[in-house]
Amino acid sequence: MLIGQGIDAHRFGGDRPLVLAGVQVPHDQGLEAHSDGDVAIHALCDALLGAAGLGDIGHHFPDTDAAYAGIDSRILLGRVMASLAERGLAVHNADLTLVAQRPKLAPHISAMVQVLASDLNCPAERVSVKATTMERMGFTGRGEGIAAFAVVLLREGSED
């Protein structure tokens, strides 16, 4: 078993859609980023790569490469998962926490779990997505952006 953790944060900005864990969430702003700004998937990719000893998302998908401009983060996650599969690794479980004062994320959690479970090739019961605020403290508490934290456990092989 291999454990990894990942963290990401982006500020609000622009008129792009807000996408979290592969789900479009209604909001007046999206997140500024070179890709689509999906902080949940970015943190998840870092956790997966870290568990496998493969570095971080910036190493594999640098924001200096025009090929990743505006890219759907689920594509990046798919590439990370392919890299893990090549090494005989599979996701046992994943636990994500989203930190946002706004918008309210609870109505979207179930959809996020379903998307991530599909992309991670594991049962939805092994994917947890939680949302919290920072009680109006810090950049997320002031509504300036969103942060995400992810922890994953990998195992060798595709079956338990």
Protein backbone atom coordinates (compact mmCIF):
# COMPACT_ATOMS: atom_id res chain seq x y z
CA MET A 1 0.00 0.00 0.00
CA LEU A 2 1.19 3.50 -0.86
CA ILE A 3 -0.21 6.74 0.54
CA GLY A 4 -0.05 10.19 -1.02
CA GLN A 5 -1.39 13.63 -0.28
CA GLY A 6 -1.99 16.65 -2.47
CA ILE A 7 -2.97 20.28 -1.99
CA ASP A 8 -4.04 22.93 -4.46
CA ALA A 9 -5.61 26.38 -4.37
CA HIS A 10 -6.77 28.90 -6.96
CA ARG A 11 -8.27 32.36 -6.77
CA PHE A 12 -11.58 33.29 -8.34
CA GLY A 13 -11.40 35.27 -11.55
CA GLY A 14 -12.74 35.62 -15.03
CA ASP A 15 -15.94 34.41 -16.57
CA ARG A 16 -15.01 30.75 -17.05
CA PRO A 17 -17.19 28.04 -15.51
CA LEU A 18 -16.40 26.82 -11.99
CA VAL A 19 -15.43 23.16 -12.25
CA LEU A 20 -14.74 21.08 -9.13
CA ALA A 21 -14.04 17.34 -9.19
CA GLY A 22 -15.15 17.29 -12.81
CA VAL A 23 -18.55 18.84 -12.02
CA GLN A 24 -19.64 22.27 -13.20
CA VAL A 25 -20.86 24.20 -10.16
CA PRO A 26 -23.06 27.27 -10.72
CA HIS A 27 -21.20 30.40 -9.60
CA ASP A 28 -20.53 33.91 -10.86
CA GLN A 29 -16.81 33.17 -11.40
CA GLY A 30 -14.52 30.32 -12.23
CA LEU A 31 -11.00 29.82 -10.92
CA GLU A 32 -7.90 31.39 -12.47
CA ALA A 33 -5.52 28.76 -13.79
CA HIS A 34 -3.58 27.63 -16.83
CA SER A 35 -5.92 24.63 -17.16
CA ASP A 36 -9.63 24.60 -16.24
CA GLY A 37 -8.71 25.35 -12.61
CA ASP A 38 -10.24 22.22 -11.06
CA VAL A 39 -8.48 22.39 -7.68
CA ALA A 40 -10.01 19.10 -6.53
CA ILE A 41 -8.57 17.12 -9.43
CA HIS A 42 -5.25 18.97 -9.22
CA ALA A 43 -4.89 18.03 -5.54
CA LEU A 44 -5.97 14.48 -6.39
CA CYS A 45 -3.38 14.20 -9.19
CA ASP A 46 -0.66 15.38 -6.81
CA ALA A 47 -1.74 12.80 -4.21
CA LEU A 48 -1.73 9.99 -6.80
CA LEU A 49 1.62 11.00 -8.26
CA GLY A 50 3.13 11.42 -4.81
CA ALA A 51 1.96 8.00 -3.65
CA ALA A 52 3.61 6.44 -6.69
CA GLY A 53 6.81 8.45 -6.22
CA LEU A 54 6.30 10.23 -9.54
CA GLY A 55 6.67 13.86 -8.51
CA ASP A 56 3.90 16.41 -8.88
CA ILE A 57 1.38 17.70 -11.38
CA GLY A 58 3.56 20.68 -12.34
CA HIS A 59 6.35 18.34 -13.40
CA HIS A 60 4.09 16.26 -15.64
CA PHE A 61 1.82 19.05 -16.94
CA PRO A 62 3.74 22.35 -16.66
CA ASP A 63 1.83 25.61 -16.86
CA THR A 64 4.50 26.83 -19.27
CA ASP A 65 3.32 24.33 -21.89
CA ALA A 66 0.62 25.74 -24.20
CA ALA A 67 -0.70 22.20 -24.75
CA TYR A 68 -2.28 22.38 -21.28
CA ALA A 69 -3.88 25.82 -21.63
CA GLY A 70 -7.55 25.47 -20.69
CA ILE A 71 -7.34 21.66 -20.63
CA ASP A 72 -10.04 19.67 -18.86
CA SER A 73 -8.40 18.41 -15.67
CA ARG A 74 -10.13 15.05 -16.10
CA ILE A 75 -7.84 14.49 -19.08
CA LEU A 76 -4.85 15.08 -16.82
CA LEU A 77 -6.30 12.69 -14.25
CA GLY A 78 -6.76 10.09 -16.97
CA ARG A 79 -3.09 10.40 -17.91
CA VAL A 80 -2.06 10.04 -14.27
CA MET A 81 -4.24 6.95 -13.93
CA ALA A 82 -2.70 5.44 -17.08
CA SER A 83 0.76 6.03 -15.62
CA LEU A 84 -0.26 4.27 -12.41
CA ALA A 85 -1.74 1.34 -14.35
CA GLU A 86 1.54 0.96 -16.26
CA ARG A 87 3.22 0.51 -12.89
CA GLY A 88 0.65 -2.01 -11.68
CA LEU A 89 -0.94 0.41 -9.23
CA ALA A 90 -4.64 0.99 -8.55
CA VAL A 91 -6.59 3.30 -6.26
CA HIS A 92 -7.83 1.68 -3.07
CA ASN A 93 -9.54 4.83 -1.78
CA ALA A 94 -9.48 8.62 -2.04
CA ASP A 95 -10.51 11.32 0.42
CA LEU A 96 -10.86 14.96 -0.66
CA THR A 97 -11.72 18.10 1.26
CA LEU A 98 -12.75 21.29 -0.53
CA VAL A 99 -12.41 24.58 1.37
CA ALA A 100 -14.71 27.34 0.14
CA GLN A 101 -16.80 30.02 1.77
CA ARG A 102 -18.79 30.25 -1.44
CA PRO A 103 -20.49 28.75 -3.36
CA LYS A 104 -22.28 26.13 -1.29
CA LEU A 105 -20.90 22.79 -2.45
CA ALA A 106 -23.07 20.28 -0.56
CA PRO A 107 -25.64 19.95 -3.40
CA HIS A 108 -22.86 18.86 -5.78
CA ILE A 109 -20.93 16.38 -3.62
CA SER A 110 -22.76 13.27 -4.82
CA ALA A 111 -22.08 14.11 -8.48
CA MET A 112 -18.42 14.78 -7.65
CA VAL A 113 -18.09 11.39 -5.98
CA GLN A 114 -19.61 9.64 -9.00
CA VAL A 115 -17.29 11.41 -11.48
CA LEU A 116 -14.18 10.74 -9.42
CA ALA A 117 -15.08 7.10 -8.73
CA SER A 118 -15.46 6.56 -12.46
CA ASP A 119 -12.17 8.29 -13.27
CA LEU A 120 -10.33 6.46 -10.46
CA ASN A 121 -11.78 3.06 -11.45
CA CYS A 122 -12.95 2.34 -7.94
CA PRO A 123 -16.30 1.98 -6.17
CA ALA A 124 -18.02 5.21 -5.12
CA GLU A 125 -17.99 3.91 -1.54
CA ARG A 126 -14.21 4.38 -1.59
CA VAL A 127 -14.32 8.00 -2.70
CA SER A 128 -15.07 10.72 -0.18
CA VAL A 129 -15.59 14.38 -1.02
CA LYS A 130 -16.24 16.80 1.79
CA ALA A 131 -16.69 20.57 1.84
CA THR A 132 -15.96 23.02 4.61
CA THR A 133 -15.43 26.71 5.21
CA MET A 134 -12.72 28.43 7.20
CA GLU A 135 -15.27 30.43 9.20
CA ARG A 136 -14.54 33.53 7.10
CA MET A 137 -10.79 33.39 7.85
CA GLY A 138 -8.04 33.51 5.23
CA PHE A 139 -8.39 33.77 1.44
CA THR A 140 -11.06 31.07 1.22
CA GLY A 141 -13.00 32.60 4.10
CA ARG A 142 -12.99 35.98 2.37
CA GLY A 143 -14.41 34.30 -0.74
CA GLU A 144 -11.28 34.97 -2.82
CA GLY A 145 -10.79 31.39 -3.97
CA ILE A 146 -11.00 27.68 -3.22
CA ALA A 147 -8.50 25.20 -1.79
CA ALA A 148 -8.49 21.42 -1.98
CA PHE A 149 -6.76 18.68 0.00
CA ALA A 150 -6.55 15.06 -1.13
CA VAL A 151 -5.29 11.83 0.39
CA VAL A 152 -5.14 8.56 -1.55
CA LEU A 153 -4.18 5.00 -0.84
CA LEU A 154 -2.82 2.96 -3.75
CA ARG A 155 -2.39 -0.80 -3.95
CA GLU A 156 -0.61 -3.10 -6.34
CA GLY A 157 -2.90 -4.77 -8.86
CA SER A 158 -6.44 -4.02 -9.97
CA GLU A 159 -8.32 -6.18 -7.44
CA ASP A 160 -8.41 -6.24 -3.63
